[in-house]
Each structure stands twice: as C-alpha cells, then as structure tokens.
Amino acid sequence: MLETSRNGFTKRRAVRRCVKHAMGCTVSGQAAGVAAALAVQTQKRPRDLEIRQLQAALIKQGVRLH
C-alpha cells in the first residue's frame, strides 16, 4: 500500500484517505467504550448519560474535544 521513493515514503491516494479517517474512528470507539462503562457505573442507558460527564471522562483520558 505504501510505495517507497528516493525522498522517503509516498502514500497512494486510497491510503491517505484511510489514514485520514482512522483517528476519528479510534476516538469514536473510545467514546463508545467510555459511554458504556459510565452507563454500567450509573445504571443508566447510554442515551440517558449527561454529555458533560462523558466529555469529562474523555478529557481525563487525554482526548482533545473540539
């Protein structure tokens, strides 16, 4: 998927697209896992969690929210 060149690595267009979206998917998965853990701890459905509580838990783990 990566080709080497004289100057280092050059990425093909498809690889660039995959890598570009990988971090967003990773963070989405982390948020889903944190939401599930909070739901179990608070005995609430994930949809009933306070968003600020979820955001605080993610920030505590080092996630940068925008």
Protein backbone atom coordinates (compact mmCIF):
# COMPACT_ATOMS: atom_id res chain seq x y z
CA MET A 1 0.00 0.00 0.00
CA LEU A 2 2.90 2.38 0.54
CA GLU A 3 5.44 2.91 -2.16
CA THR A 4 8.93 4.00 -1.38
CA SER A 5 10.63 6.77 -3.21
CA ARG A 6 14.00 8.42 -3.14
CA ASN A 7 12.68 11.00 -0.63
CA GLY A 8 11.05 8.54 1.78
CA PHE A 9 7.50 7.24 1.65
CA THR A 10 4.85 8.45 -0.72
CA LYS A 11 1.29 7.47 0.03
CA ARG A 12 -1.21 6.48 -2.51
CA ARG A 13 -4.46 8.38 -2.53
CA ALA A 14 -6.51 5.49 -1.08
CA VAL A 15 -4.09 5.02 1.80
CA ARG A 16 -4.19 8.72 2.60
CA ARG A 17 -7.97 8.59 2.82
CA CYS A 18 -7.90 5.58 5.15
CA VAL A 19 -5.29 7.06 7.45
CA LYS A 20 -7.07 10.42 7.49
CA HIS A 21 -10.22 8.87 8.94
CA ALA A 22 -8.59 6.29 11.20
CA MET A 23 -8.11 8.66 14.15
CA GLY A 24 -11.74 9.75 14.07
CA CYS A 25 -12.84 6.15 14.14
CA THR A 26 -10.48 5.40 17.01
CA VAL A 27 -11.79 8.27 19.10
CA SER A 28 -15.39 7.34 18.29
CA GLY A 29 -14.72 3.83 19.53
CA GLN A 30 -13.10 5.17 22.68
CA ALA A 31 -16.10 7.42 23.32
CA ALA A 32 -18.47 4.49 22.85
CA GLY A 33 -16.48 2.39 25.30
CA VAL A 34 -16.37 5.17 27.89
CA ALA A 35 -20.11 5.73 27.46
CA ALA A 36 -20.76 2.03 28.00
CA ALA A 37 -18.64 1.99 31.15
CA LEU A 38 -20.37 5.09 32.51
CA ALA A 39 -23.76 3.58 31.74
CA VAL A 40 -22.89 0.47 33.74
CA GLN A 41 -21.48 2.52 36.64
CA THR A 42 -24.51 4.81 36.82
CA GLN A 43 -27.07 2.13 35.88
CA LYS A 44 -28.38 4.31 33.05
CA ARG A 45 -28.85 3.72 29.36
CA PRO A 46 -26.04 5.31 27.32
CA ARG A 47 -28.54 7.72 25.74
CA ASP A 48 -29.53 8.94 29.22
CA LEU A 49 -26.00 9.90 30.28
CA GLU A 50 -25.12 13.52 30.84
CA ILE A 51 -22.96 14.58 27.90
CA ARG A 52 -20.79 16.72 30.19
CA GLN A 53 -19.98 13.63 32.29
CA LEU A 54 -18.92 11.72 29.17
CA GLN A 55 -16.86 14.65 27.92
CA ALA A 56 -15.14 14.99 31.31
CA ALA A 57 -14.25 11.29 31.32
CA LEU A 58 -12.79 11.53 27.80
CA ILE A 59 -10.78 14.65 28.66
CA LYS A 60 -9.43 12.86 31.73
CA GLN A 61 -8.14 10.16 29.35
CA GLY A 62 -6.38 12.77 27.24
CA VAL A 63 -8.87 13.06 24.39
CA ARG A 64 -8.95 16.52 22.82
CA LEU A 65 -12.53 17.56 22.11
CA HIS A 66 -13.39 20.21 19.53
